[in-house]
Amino acid sequence: QGKFDIIIFYSVFPHIQHKQKCIKKAASLLAAGGKLAICHSESREKINSVHQMTGFPVSHDLLPSAKEVANFMKQAGFEILHCIDNDDLYVVIGSLSN
């Protein structure tokens, strides 16, 4: 079975219910050295605020801190390449250990 070189979650990660399980699944689909990128072009605070104000069904679809997501990635065998969680954007990128 073929493996992917990169998997990108762009502006979708808050909507994934089982985030740690999802990261482990992504790791299983990547080739050695493959990369996983979880990105948003807005800050975590803004994304979470919009979701909470919108109400059902997205009010509980929150983006965890980049540090928490990086820890999930480390547990799944990733080396963290970038971890940015600031007022402008949110990016966590890891490379799967060989």
C-alpha atoms as a PDB file:
ATOM      1  CA  GLN A   1       0.000   0.000   0.000  1.00  0.00           C
ATOM      2  CA  GLY A   2       1.312   3.452  -0.936  1.00  0.00           C
ATOM      3  CA  LYS A   3       2.069   6.003   1.747  1.00  0.00           C
ATOM      4  CA  PHE A   4       1.777   9.777   1.615  1.00  0.00           C
ATOM      5  CA  ASP A   5       4.679  12.226   1.816  1.00  0.00           C
ATOM      6  CA  ILE A   6       2.569  14.951   3.411  1.00  0.00           C
ATOM      7  CA  ILE A   7      -0.855  15.334   5.016  1.00  0.00           C
ATOM      8  CA  ILE A   8      -2.278  18.828   5.565  1.00  0.00           C
ATOM      9  CA  PHE A   9      -5.172  19.741   7.852  1.00  0.00           C
ATOM     10  CA  TYR A  10      -6.021  23.325   6.878  1.00  0.00           C
ATOM     11  CA  SER A  11      -8.748  25.108   8.863  1.00  0.00           C
ATOM     12  CA  VAL A  12     -10.400  21.814   9.808  1.00  0.00           C
ATOM     13  CA  PHE A  13      -8.684  20.550  12.960  1.00  0.00           C
ATOM     14  CA  PRO A  14     -11.148  22.041  15.501  1.00  0.00           C
ATOM     15  CA  HIS A  15     -13.909  19.985  13.879  1.00  0.00           C
ATOM     16  CA  ILE A  16     -12.138  16.657  14.413  1.00  0.00           C
ATOM     17  CA  GLN A  17     -13.613  15.045  17.504  1.00  0.00           C
ATOM     18  CA  HIS A  18     -10.779  12.664  18.430  1.00  0.00           C
ATOM     19  CA  LYS A  19      -7.726  14.784  17.689  1.00  0.00           C
ATOM     20  CA  GLN A  20      -5.033  12.535  19.177  1.00  0.00           C
ATOM     21  CA  LYS A  21      -6.470   9.464  17.425  1.00  0.00           C
ATOM     22  CA  CYS A  22      -6.586  11.412  14.157  1.00  0.00           C
ATOM     23  CA  ILE A  23      -2.903  12.333  14.445  1.00  0.00           C
ATOM     24  CA  LYS A  24      -1.990   8.685  15.094  1.00  0.00           C
ATOM     25  CA  LYS A  25      -4.001   7.650  12.018  1.00  0.00           C
ATOM     26  CA  ALA A  26      -2.236  10.288   9.924  1.00  0.00           C
ATOM     27  CA  ALA A  27       1.118   8.928  11.128  1.00  0.00           C
ATOM     28  CA  SER A  28       0.120   5.456   9.941  1.00  0.00           C
ATOM     29  CA  LEU A  29      -0.589   6.836   6.467  1.00  0.00           C
ATOM     30  CA  LEU A  30       2.726   8.651   6.058  1.00  0.00           C
ATOM     31  CA  ALA A  31       5.950   7.331   4.583  1.00  0.00           C
ATOM     32  CA  ALA A  32       9.086   7.527   6.728  1.00  0.00           C
ATOM     33  CA  GLY A  33      10.094  11.173   6.884  1.00  0.00           C
ATOM     34  CA  GLY A  34       6.587  12.232   5.843  1.00  0.00           C
ATOM     35  CA  LYS A  35       5.195  15.469   7.202  1.00  0.00           C
ATOM     36  CA  LEU A  36       1.965  16.388   8.961  1.00  0.00           C
ATOM     37  CA  ALA A  37       0.868  20.036   8.911  1.00  0.00           C
ATOM     38  CA  ILE A  38      -1.993  21.423  10.997  1.00  0.00           C
ATOM     39  CA  CYS A  39      -2.583  25.045   9.997  1.00  0.00           C
ATOM     40  CA  HIS A  40      -5.000  27.960  10.309  1.00  0.00           C
ATOM     41  CA  SER A  41      -4.657  31.457   8.868  1.00  0.00           C
ATOM     42  CA  GLU A  42      -6.240  32.936  12.006  1.00  0.00           C
ATOM     43  CA  SER A  43      -5.218  32.843  15.644  1.00  0.00           C
ATOM     44  CA  ARG A  44      -6.421  30.063  17.921  1.00  0.00           C
ATOM     45  CA  GLU A  45      -8.183  32.656  20.090  1.00  0.00           C
ATOM     46  CA  LYS A  46     -10.114  34.068  17.124  1.00  0.00           C
ATOM     47  CA  ILE A  47     -11.107  30.631  15.798  1.00  0.00           C
ATOM     48  CA  ASN A  48     -12.299  29.468  19.219  1.00  0.00           C
ATOM     49  CA  SER A  49     -14.158  32.724  19.840  1.00  0.00           C
ATOM     50  CA  VAL A  50     -15.999  32.526  16.503  1.00  0.00           C
ATOM     51  CA  HIS A  51     -16.971  28.912  17.139  1.00  0.00           C
ATOM     52  CA  GLN A  52     -18.245  29.652  20.642  1.00  0.00           C
ATOM     53  CA  MET A  53     -20.273  32.674  19.470  1.00  0.00           C
ATOM     54  CA  THR A  54     -21.731  30.763  16.518  1.00  0.00           C
ATOM     55  CA  GLY A  55     -23.320  28.195  18.801  1.00  0.00           C
ATOM     56  CA  PHE A  56     -24.497  24.731  17.859  1.00  0.00           C
ATOM     57  CA  PRO A  57     -23.163  22.711  16.062  1.00  0.00           C
ATOM     58  CA  VAL A  58     -19.642  24.235  16.239  1.00  0.00           C
ATOM     59  CA  SER A  59     -19.619  25.790  19.709  1.00  0.00           C
ATOM     60  CA  HIS A  60     -17.535  22.928  21.115  1.00  0.00           C
ATOM     61  CA  ASP A  61     -15.244  22.597  18.070  1.00  0.00           C
ATOM     62  CA  LEU A  62     -12.228  24.232  19.648  1.00  0.00           C
ATOM     63  CA  LEU A  63      -8.596  24.341  18.619  1.00  0.00           C
ATOM     64  CA  PRO A  64      -6.208  23.193  21.372  1.00  0.00           C
ATOM     65  CA  SER A  65      -2.957  25.032  21.980  1.00  0.00           C
ATOM     66  CA  ALA A  66      -0.199  24.336  19.482  1.00  0.00           C
ATOM     67  CA  LYS A  67       1.883  22.965  22.350  1.00  0.00           C
ATOM     68  CA  GLU A  68      -0.829  20.370  23.119  1.00  0.00           C
ATOM     69  CA  VAL A  69      -1.081  19.363  19.457  1.00  0.00           C
ATOM     70  CA  ALA A  70       2.720  19.163  19.240  1.00  0.00           C
ATOM     71  CA  ASN A  71       2.672  16.794  22.234  1.00  0.00           C
ATOM     72  CA  PHE A  72       0.073  14.603  20.475  1.00  0.00           C
ATOM     73  CA  MET A  73       2.334  14.562  17.422  1.00  0.00           C
ATOM     74  CA  LYS A  74       5.427  13.660  19.473  1.00  0.00           C
ATOM     75  CA  GLN A  75       3.524  10.753  21.033  1.00  0.00           C
ATOM     76  CA  ALA A  76       2.699   9.539  17.505  1.00  0.00           C
ATOM     77  CA  GLY A  77       6.384   9.549  16.489  1.00  0.00           C
ATOM     78  CA  PHE A  78       6.792  13.009  14.969  1.00  0.00           C
ATOM     79  CA  GLU A  79       9.696  15.397  15.367  1.00  0.00           C
ATOM     80  CA  ILE A  80       8.263  18.920  15.616  1.00  0.00           C
ATOM     81  CA  LEU A  81       9.592  21.249  12.917  1.00  0.00           C
ATOM     82  CA  HIS A  82       7.376  24.305  13.544  1.00  0.00           C
ATOM     83  CA  CYS A  83       5.056  25.225  16.391  1.00  0.00           C
ATOM     84  CA  ILE A  84       3.473  28.685  16.039  1.00  0.00           C
ATOM     85  CA  ASP A  85       0.461  29.836  18.036  1.00  0.00           C
ATOM     86  CA  ASN A  86       0.262  33.624  17.940  1.00  0.00           C
ATOM     87  CA  ASP A  87      -2.108  36.506  17.175  1.00  0.00           C
ATOM     88  CA  ASP A  88      -1.812  35.968  13.410  1.00  0.00           C
ATOM     89  CA  LEU A  89      -1.700  32.248  12.723  1.00  0.00           C
ATOM     90  CA  TYR A  90      -1.563  28.713  14.020  1.00  0.00           C
ATOM     91  CA  VAL A  91       0.891  26.172  12.581  1.00  0.00           C
ATOM     92  CA  VAL A  92       2.163  22.841  13.858  1.00  0.00           C
ATOM     93  CA  ILE A  93       4.314  20.836  11.461  1.00  0.00           C
ATOM     94  CA  GLY A  94       6.000  17.562  12.271  1.00  0.00           C
ATOM     95  CA  SER A  95       8.150  15.089  10.399  1.00  0.00           C
ATOM     96  CA  LEU A  96       7.621  11.385  11.011  1.00  0.00           C
ATOM     97  CA  SER A  97      10.742   9.788  12.427  1.00  0.00           C
ATOM     98  CA  ASN A  98      12.375   7.225  10.154  1.00  0.00           C
END
